Amino acid sequence: SEGGWGHQGNFIKAVRSRKKGDLNAEILDGHLSSALCHMANTSFRIGGKDKPANIGKALRDDKLMAKTFERFCGHLSANEIDLAENMAVMGPCLQMDIEKERFLGQGSERANELMRKDYREPFVLTDDV
């Protein structure tokens, strides 16, 4: 067992063989799971450093997020990382229009700017792909 590794290699193998059956998982599953990582990264990139108390206050109405942040702080403390010195980043809770694959609501303008960048020739992506 590869322990979760090898997804990229499996995808490349399937692209080369042009056989859907070579994929270990449905392509949509891979797209959606990687999209979650990209959304988190986008929120981080448009967020800002803040004191733990301020982040805790911002998350207090969402019990699950508040509990997760509490565990995060505990983990860092147990590993002797001082959040007062190395502040965490708090980004917006991004929402996605799944049909258009565009961000909605708070932070969406900046987040949508990060969804695409200018590529150098010959790697330019056109809108008519």
N, C-alpha and C. Protein backbone atom coordinates (compact mmCIF):
# COMPACT_ATOMS: atom_id res chain seq x y z
N SER A 1 0.84 -1.19 0.00
CA SER A 1 0.00 0.00 0.00
C SER A 1 0.87 1.25 0.00
N GLU A 2 0.44 2.25 -0.73
CA GLU A 2 1.20 3.49 -0.82
C GLU A 2 0.78 4.50 0.24
N GLY A 3 -0.21 4.16 1.08
CA GLY A 3 -0.61 5.05 2.15
C GLY A 3 -1.14 6.38 1.67
N GLY A 4 -1.85 6.40 0.56
CA GLY A 4 -2.41 7.65 0.06
C GLY A 4 -1.58 8.34 -0.98
N TRP A 5 -0.37 7.89 -1.18
CA TRP A 5 0.50 8.48 -2.20
C TRP A 5 0.23 7.81 -3.54
N GLY A 6 0.68 8.41 -4.58
CA GLY A 6 0.56 7.80 -5.89
C GLY A 6 -0.63 8.27 -6.71
N HIS A 7 -1.42 9.21 -6.18
CA HIS A 7 -2.59 9.68 -6.92
C HIS A 7 -2.19 10.36 -8.24
N GLN A 8 -1.17 11.18 -8.18
CA GLN A 8 -0.74 11.89 -9.40
C GLN A 8 -0.23 10.90 -10.44
N GLY A 9 0.56 9.94 -10.00
CA GLY A 9 1.07 8.93 -10.92
C GLY A 9 -0.05 8.12 -11.54
N ASN A 10 -1.06 7.80 -10.73
CA ASN A 10 -2.21 7.05 -11.24
C ASN A 10 -2.96 7.87 -12.28
N PHE A 11 -3.13 9.16 -12.02
CA PHE A 11 -3.82 10.03 -12.97
C PHE A 11 -3.04 10.12 -14.28
N ILE A 12 -1.74 10.31 -14.19
CA ILE A 12 -0.91 10.41 -15.40
C ILE A 12 -0.96 9.10 -16.19
N LYS A 13 -0.91 7.98 -15.49
CA LYS A 13 -1.00 6.68 -16.16
C LYS A 13 -2.32 6.57 -16.93
N ALA A 14 -3.42 6.98 -16.31
CA ALA A 14 -4.73 6.91 -16.95
C ALA A 14 -4.83 7.86 -18.15
N VAL A 15 -4.23 9.04 -18.03
CA VAL A 15 -4.22 9.97 -19.16
C VAL A 15 -3.46 9.36 -20.33
N ARG A 16 -2.33 8.77 -20.04
CA ARG A 16 -1.51 8.17 -21.10
C ARG A 16 -2.21 6.98 -21.76
N SER A 17 -2.88 6.17 -20.95
CA SER A 17 -3.55 4.99 -21.50
C SER A 17 -4.90 5.33 -22.12
N ARG A 18 -5.45 6.49 -21.73
CA ARG A 18 -6.78 6.92 -22.19
C ARG A 18 -7.86 5.94 -21.76
N LYS A 19 -7.62 5.22 -20.64
CA LYS A 19 -8.58 4.25 -20.14
C LYS A 19 -9.11 4.71 -18.78
N LYS A 20 -10.39 5.03 -18.74
CA LYS A 20 -11.01 5.45 -17.49
C LYS A 20 -10.84 4.40 -16.38
N GLY A 21 -10.85 3.15 -16.79
CA GLY A 21 -10.72 2.05 -15.84
C GLY A 21 -9.38 2.02 -15.12
N ASP A 22 -8.38 2.72 -15.64
CA ASP A 22 -7.07 2.77 -14.98
C ASP A 22 -7.07 3.71 -13.76
N LEU A 23 -8.10 4.55 -13.65
CA LEU A 23 -8.17 5.47 -12.50
C LEU A 23 -8.55 4.72 -11.23
N ASN A 24 -7.90 5.07 -10.13
CA ASN A 24 -8.24 4.47 -8.84
C ASN A 24 -9.53 5.05 -8.27
N ALA A 25 -9.93 6.23 -8.74
CA ALA A 25 -11.15 6.88 -8.26
C ALA A 25 -11.73 7.69 -9.40
N GLU A 26 -12.99 8.03 -9.26
CA GLU A 26 -13.64 8.87 -10.26
C GLU A 26 -12.93 10.22 -10.33
N ILE A 27 -12.80 10.75 -11.54
CA ILE A 27 -12.09 12.01 -11.72
C ILE A 27 -12.79 13.15 -10.97
N LEU A 28 -14.11 13.13 -10.89
CA LEU A 28 -14.83 14.18 -10.16
C LEU A 28 -14.46 14.16 -8.68
N ASP A 29 -14.27 12.97 -8.11
CA ASP A 29 -13.85 12.88 -6.70
C ASP A 29 -12.50 13.55 -6.49
N GLY A 30 -11.57 13.33 -7.41
CA GLY A 30 -10.26 13.98 -7.33
C GLY A 30 -10.36 15.47 -7.49
N HIS A 31 -11.22 15.91 -8.40
CA HIS A 31 -11.41 17.35 -8.63
C HIS A 31 -11.97 18.01 -7.36
N LEU A 32 -13.02 17.40 -6.78
CA LEU A 32 -13.65 18.00 -5.60
C LEU A 32 -12.72 17.99 -4.39
N SER A 33 -11.99 16.90 -4.19
CA SER A 33 -11.11 16.86 -3.01
C SER A 33 -9.95 17.83 -3.16
N SER A 34 -9.41 17.98 -4.36
CA SER A 34 -8.33 18.95 -4.53
C SER A 34 -8.87 20.38 -4.48
N ALA A 35 -10.12 20.58 -4.90
CA ALA A 35 -10.73 21.91 -4.83
C ALA A 35 -10.82 22.38 -3.38
N LEU A 36 -11.09 21.48 -2.46
CA LEU A 36 -11.14 21.85 -1.04
C LEU A 36 -9.78 22.38 -0.56
N CYS A 37 -8.72 21.73 -1.00
CA CYS A 37 -7.37 22.19 -0.64
C CYS A 37 -7.10 23.56 -1.25
N HIS A 38 -7.51 23.75 -2.49
CA HIS A 38 -7.30 25.04 -3.16
C HIS A 38 -8.10 26.15 -2.48
N MET A 39 -9.33 25.82 -2.05
CA MET A 39 -10.14 26.82 -1.35
C MET A 39 -9.48 27.24 -0.04
N ALA A 40 -8.97 26.27 0.70
CA ALA A 40 -8.29 26.58 1.97
C ALA A 40 -7.06 27.44 1.71
N ASN A 41 -6.29 27.10 0.69
CA ASN A 41 -5.10 27.87 0.35
C ASN A 41 -5.47 29.29 -0.07
N THR A 42 -6.55 29.43 -0.83
CA THR A 42 -7.00 30.76 -1.27
C THR A 42 -7.41 31.60 -0.07
N SER A 43 -8.17 31.02 0.86
CA SER A 43 -8.57 31.74 2.07
C SER A 43 -7.35 32.19 2.85
N PHE A 44 -6.37 31.30 2.98
CA PHE A 44 -5.13 31.63 3.68
C PHE A 44 -4.42 32.79 3.00
N ARG A 45 -4.34 32.75 1.68
CA ARG A 45 -3.60 33.78 0.94
C ARG A 45 -4.25 35.16 1.03
N ILE A 46 -5.58 35.21 1.15
CA ILE A 46 -6.23 36.52 1.25
C ILE A 46 -6.51 36.91 2.69
N GLY A 47 -6.19 36.02 3.61
CA GLY A 47 -6.38 36.31 5.03
C GLY A 47 -5.25 37.13 5.60
N GLY A 48 -5.26 37.28 6.91
CA GLY A 48 -4.22 38.04 7.56
C GLY A 48 -3.89 37.47 8.93
N LYS A 49 -2.68 37.75 9.39
CA LYS A 49 -2.26 37.29 10.71
C LYS A 49 -3.07 38.01 11.77
N ASP A 50 -3.37 37.28 12.83
CA ASP A 50 -4.13 37.88 13.93
C ASP A 50 -3.82 37.15 15.22
N LYS A 51 -4.14 37.81 16.31
CA LYS A 51 -3.92 37.23 17.64
C LYS A 51 -4.91 36.09 17.86
N PRO A 52 -4.48 35.06 18.60
CA PRO A 52 -5.37 33.92 18.85
C PRO A 52 -6.71 34.33 19.48
N ALA A 53 -6.69 35.31 20.37
CA ALA A 53 -7.94 35.74 21.01
C ALA A 53 -8.92 36.30 19.98
N ASN A 54 -8.40 37.06 19.02
CA ASN A 54 -9.27 37.63 17.98
C ASN A 54 -9.83 36.55 17.06
N ILE A 55 -8.99 35.58 16.72
CA ILE A 55 -9.46 34.48 15.88
C ILE A 55 -10.51 33.67 16.63
N GLY A 56 -10.24 33.40 17.88
CA GLY A 56 -11.21 32.68 18.71
C GLY A 56 -12.55 33.38 18.77
N LYS A 57 -12.54 34.71 18.93
CA LYS A 57 -13.79 35.49 18.94
C LYS A 57 -14.50 35.39 17.61
N ALA A 58 -13.75 35.46 16.52
CA ALA A 58 -14.35 35.40 15.18
C ALA A 58 -15.01 34.04 14.92
N LEU A 59 -14.50 32.99 15.56
CA LEU A 59 -15.01 31.64 15.32
C LEU A 59 -16.02 31.17 16.36
N ARG A 60 -16.27 31.97 17.38
CA ARG A 60 -17.07 31.47 18.52
C ARG A 60 -18.49 31.05 18.16
N ASP A 61 -19.08 31.60 17.11
CA ASP A 61 -20.45 31.22 16.73
C ASP A 61 -20.51 29.90 15.97
N ASP A 62 -19.38 29.44 15.50
CA ASP A 62 -19.32 28.15 14.79
C ASP A 62 -18.62 27.17 15.72
N LYS A 63 -19.41 26.36 16.40
CA LYS A 63 -18.88 25.46 17.44
C LYS A 63 -17.78 24.54 16.91
N LEU A 64 -17.98 23.98 15.72
CA LEU A 64 -16.99 23.06 15.16
C LEU A 64 -15.68 23.78 14.86
N MET A 65 -15.78 24.96 14.24
CA MET A 65 -14.56 25.72 13.93
C MET A 65 -13.87 26.17 15.22
N ALA A 66 -14.65 26.60 16.21
CA ALA A 66 -14.06 27.04 17.48
C ALA A 66 -13.32 25.89 18.14
N LYS A 67 -13.90 24.71 18.12
CA LYS A 67 -13.27 23.53 18.72
C LYS A 67 -12.01 23.14 17.95
N THR A 68 -12.08 23.23 16.63
CA THR A 68 -10.92 22.91 15.80
C THR A 68 -9.77 23.88 16.08
N PHE A 69 -10.10 25.17 16.20
CA PHE A 69 -9.06 26.16 16.49
C PHE A 69 -8.47 25.93 17.88
N GLU A 70 -9.30 25.52 18.81
CA GLU A 70 -8.82 25.19 20.16
C GLU A 70 -7.80 24.05 20.11
N ARG A 71 -8.11 23.00 19.35
CA ARG A 71 -7.18 21.87 19.20
C ARG A 71 -5.90 22.30 18.49
N PHE A 72 -6.05 23.16 17.48
CA PHE A 72 -4.91 23.71 16.75
C PHE A 72 -3.97 24.44 17.72
N CYS A 73 -4.54 25.29 18.55
CA CYS A 73 -3.74 26.04 19.53
C CYS A 73 -3.06 25.10 20.52
N GLY A 74 -3.79 24.09 20.97
CA GLY A 74 -3.23 23.11 21.90
C GLY A 74 -2.08 22.34 21.29
N HIS A 75 -2.23 21.95 20.03
CA HIS A 75 -1.17 21.23 19.32
C HIS A 75 0.09 22.09 19.20
N LEU A 76 -0.09 23.37 18.82
CA LEU A 76 1.06 24.25 18.68
C LEU A 76 1.73 24.48 20.03
N SER A 77 0.94 24.67 21.05
CA SER A 77 1.48 24.88 22.40
C SER A 77 2.28 23.66 22.86
N ALA A 78 1.75 22.46 22.62
CA ALA A 78 2.43 21.23 23.00
C ALA A 78 3.76 21.09 22.28
N ASN A 79 3.87 21.74 21.12
CA ASN A 79 5.11 21.69 20.34
C ASN A 79 5.92 22.97 20.47
N GLU A 80 5.62 23.71 21.53
CA GLU A 80 6.37 24.91 21.92
C GLU A 80 6.40 25.99 20.83
N ILE A 81 5.26 26.15 20.15
CA ILE A 81 5.11 27.23 19.17
C ILE A 81 4.20 28.27 19.79
N ASP A 82 4.72 29.47 19.93
CA ASP A 82 4.00 30.56 20.57
C ASP A 82 3.22 31.36 19.53
N LEU A 83 1.87 31.27 19.61
CA LEU A 83 1.03 31.98 18.65
C LEU A 83 1.06 33.50 18.84
N ALA A 84 1.52 33.96 19.97
CA ALA A 84 1.67 35.41 20.14
C ALA A 84 2.85 35.91 19.30
N GLU A 85 3.85 35.05 19.18
CA GLU A 85 5.04 35.40 18.40
C GLU A 85 4.88 35.03 16.92
N ASN A 86 4.29 33.86 16.67
CA ASN A 86 4.07 33.34 15.31
C ASN A 86 2.57 33.27 15.07
N MET A 87 1.97 34.42 14.81
CA MET A 87 0.51 34.49 14.72
C MET A 87 -0.04 33.63 13.58
N ALA A 88 -1.22 33.09 13.83
CA ALA A 88 -1.93 32.31 12.82
C ALA A 88 -2.59 33.25 11.82
N VAL A 89 -2.95 32.70 10.68
CA VAL A 89 -3.63 33.46 9.65
C VAL A 89 -5.11 33.09 9.67
N MET A 90 -5.95 34.12 9.66
CA MET A 90 -7.40 33.92 9.60
C MET A 90 -7.88 34.46 8.25
N GLY A 91 -8.43 33.59 7.45
CA GLY A 91 -8.99 33.99 6.15
C GLY A 91 -10.50 33.87 6.18
N PRO A 92 -11.15 34.39 5.15
CA PRO A 92 -12.61 34.31 5.11
C PRO A 92 -13.09 32.88 4.87
N CYS A 93 -14.29 32.59 5.32
CA CYS A 93 -14.94 31.31 5.04
C CYS A 93 -15.52 31.44 3.64
N LEU A 94 -14.84 30.89 2.68
CA LEU A 94 -15.23 31.05 1.28
C LEU A 94 -16.38 30.13 0.90
N GLN A 95 -17.25 30.65 0.06
CA GLN A 95 -18.36 29.87 -0.48
C GLN A 95 -18.17 29.79 -1.99
N MET A 96 -18.61 28.69 -2.56
CA MET A 96 -18.38 28.45 -3.98
C MET A 96 -19.70 28.25 -4.71
N ASP A 97 -19.84 28.91 -5.85
CA ASP A 97 -20.92 28.62 -6.79
C ASP A 97 -20.42 27.41 -7.59
N ILE A 98 -20.96 26.24 -7.30
CA ILE A 98 -20.40 25.01 -7.87
C ILE A 98 -20.67 24.88 -9.37
N GLU A 99 -21.69 25.57 -9.87
CA GLU A 99 -21.96 25.52 -11.31
C GLU A 99 -20.93 26.34 -12.08
N LYS A 100 -20.64 27.54 -11.58
CA LYS A 100 -19.72 28.45 -12.27
C LYS A 100 -18.28 28.30 -11.79
N GLU A 101 -18.09 27.58 -10.67
CA GLU A 101 -16.79 27.45 -10.02
C GLU A 101 -16.16 28.82 -9.79
N ARG A 102 -16.93 29.66 -9.13
CA ARG A 102 -16.50 31.01 -8.75
C ARG A 102 -16.88 31.20 -7.29
N PHE A 103 -16.07 31.99 -6.57
CA PHE A 103 -16.35 32.28 -5.17
C PHE A 103 -17.47 33.30 -5.05
N LEU A 104 -18.22 33.19 -3.96
CA LEU A 104 -19.33 34.09 -3.64
C LEU A 104 -19.09 34.73 -2.28
N GLY A 105 -19.70 35.87 -2.03
CA GLY A 105 -19.71 36.46 -0.69
C GLY A 105 -18.41 37.12 -0.28
N GLN A 106 -18.22 37.18 1.05
CA GLN A 106 -17.06 37.87 1.63
C GLN A 106 -15.75 37.31 1.07
N GLY A 107 -14.90 38.21 0.60
CA GLY A 107 -13.59 37.81 0.09
C GLY A 107 -13.60 37.28 -1.32
N SER A 108 -14.79 37.23 -1.95
CA SER A 108 -14.88 36.57 -3.26
C SER A 108 -14.14 37.31 -4.37
N GLU A 109 -14.14 38.63 -4.32
CA GLU A 109 -13.47 39.37 -5.40
C GLU A 109 -11.98 39.02 -5.46
N ARG A 110 -11.31 39.12 -4.33
CA ARG A 110 -9.87 38.80 -4.27
C ARG A 110 -9.64 37.30 -4.52
N ALA A 111 -10.51 36.45 -3.98
CA ALA A 111 -10.36 35.01 -4.16
C ALA A 111 -10.49 34.63 -5.63
N ASN A 112 -11.45 35.24 -6.33
CA ASN A 112 -11.62 34.94 -7.75
C ASN A 112 -10.45 35.41 -8.58
N GLU A 113 -9.80 36.48 -8.15
CA GLU A 113 -8.59 36.94 -8.85
C GLU A 113 -7.49 35.88 -8.80
N LEU A 114 -7.44 35.14 -7.71
CA LEU A 114 -6.39 34.12 -7.53
C LEU A 114 -6.70 32.83 -8.28
N MET A 115 -7.91 32.70 -8.79
CA MET A 115 -8.28 31.45 -9.47
C MET A 115 -7.60 31.32 -10.82
N ARG A 116 -7.13 32.40 -11.34
CA ARG A 116 -6.50 32.36 -12.65
C ARG A 116 -5.37 33.37 -12.68
N LYS A 117 -4.33 33.05 -13.35
CA LYS A 117 -3.22 33.99 -13.46
C LYS A 117 -2.79 34.08 -14.91
N ASP A 118 -1.92 35.03 -15.19
CA ASP A 118 -1.38 35.17 -16.53
C ASP A 118 -0.25 34.17 -16.71
N TYR A 119 -0.37 33.35 -17.71
CA TYR A 119 0.62 32.32 -17.99
C TYR A 119 1.52 32.76 -19.13
N ARG A 120 2.73 32.25 -19.14
CA ARG A 120 3.65 32.58 -20.22
C ARG A 120 3.43 31.61 -21.38
N GLU A 121 3.72 32.10 -22.59
CA GLU A 121 3.63 31.26 -23.78
C GLU A 121 4.60 30.09 -23.63
N PRO A 122 4.30 28.92 -24.03
CA PRO A 122 3.11 28.46 -24.73
C PRO A 122 2.07 27.87 -23.77
N PHE A 123 2.10 28.23 -22.49
CA PHE A 123 1.22 27.63 -21.50
C PHE A 123 -0.02 28.47 -21.21
N VAL A 124 -0.35 29.37 -22.10
CA VAL A 124 -1.51 30.25 -21.93
C VAL A 124 -2.80 29.44 -21.98
N LEU A 125 -3.69 29.71 -21.02
CA LEU A 125 -5.01 29.07 -21.01
C LEU A 125 -6.01 30.07 -21.57
N THR A 126 -6.73 29.66 -22.59
CA THR A 126 -7.73 30.53 -23.18
C THR A 126 -9.11 30.21 -22.61
N ASP A 127 -10.04 31.12 -22.77
CA ASP A 127 -11.39 30.92 -22.26
C ASP A 127 -12.18 29.91 -23.07
N ASP A 128 -11.72 29.56 -24.25
CA ASP A 128 -12.46 28.62 -25.11
C ASP A 128 -11.92 27.19 -25.02
N VAL A 129 -11.35 26.84 -23.87
CA VAL A 129 -10.82 25.48 -23.68
C VAL A 129 -11.96 24.50 -23.64
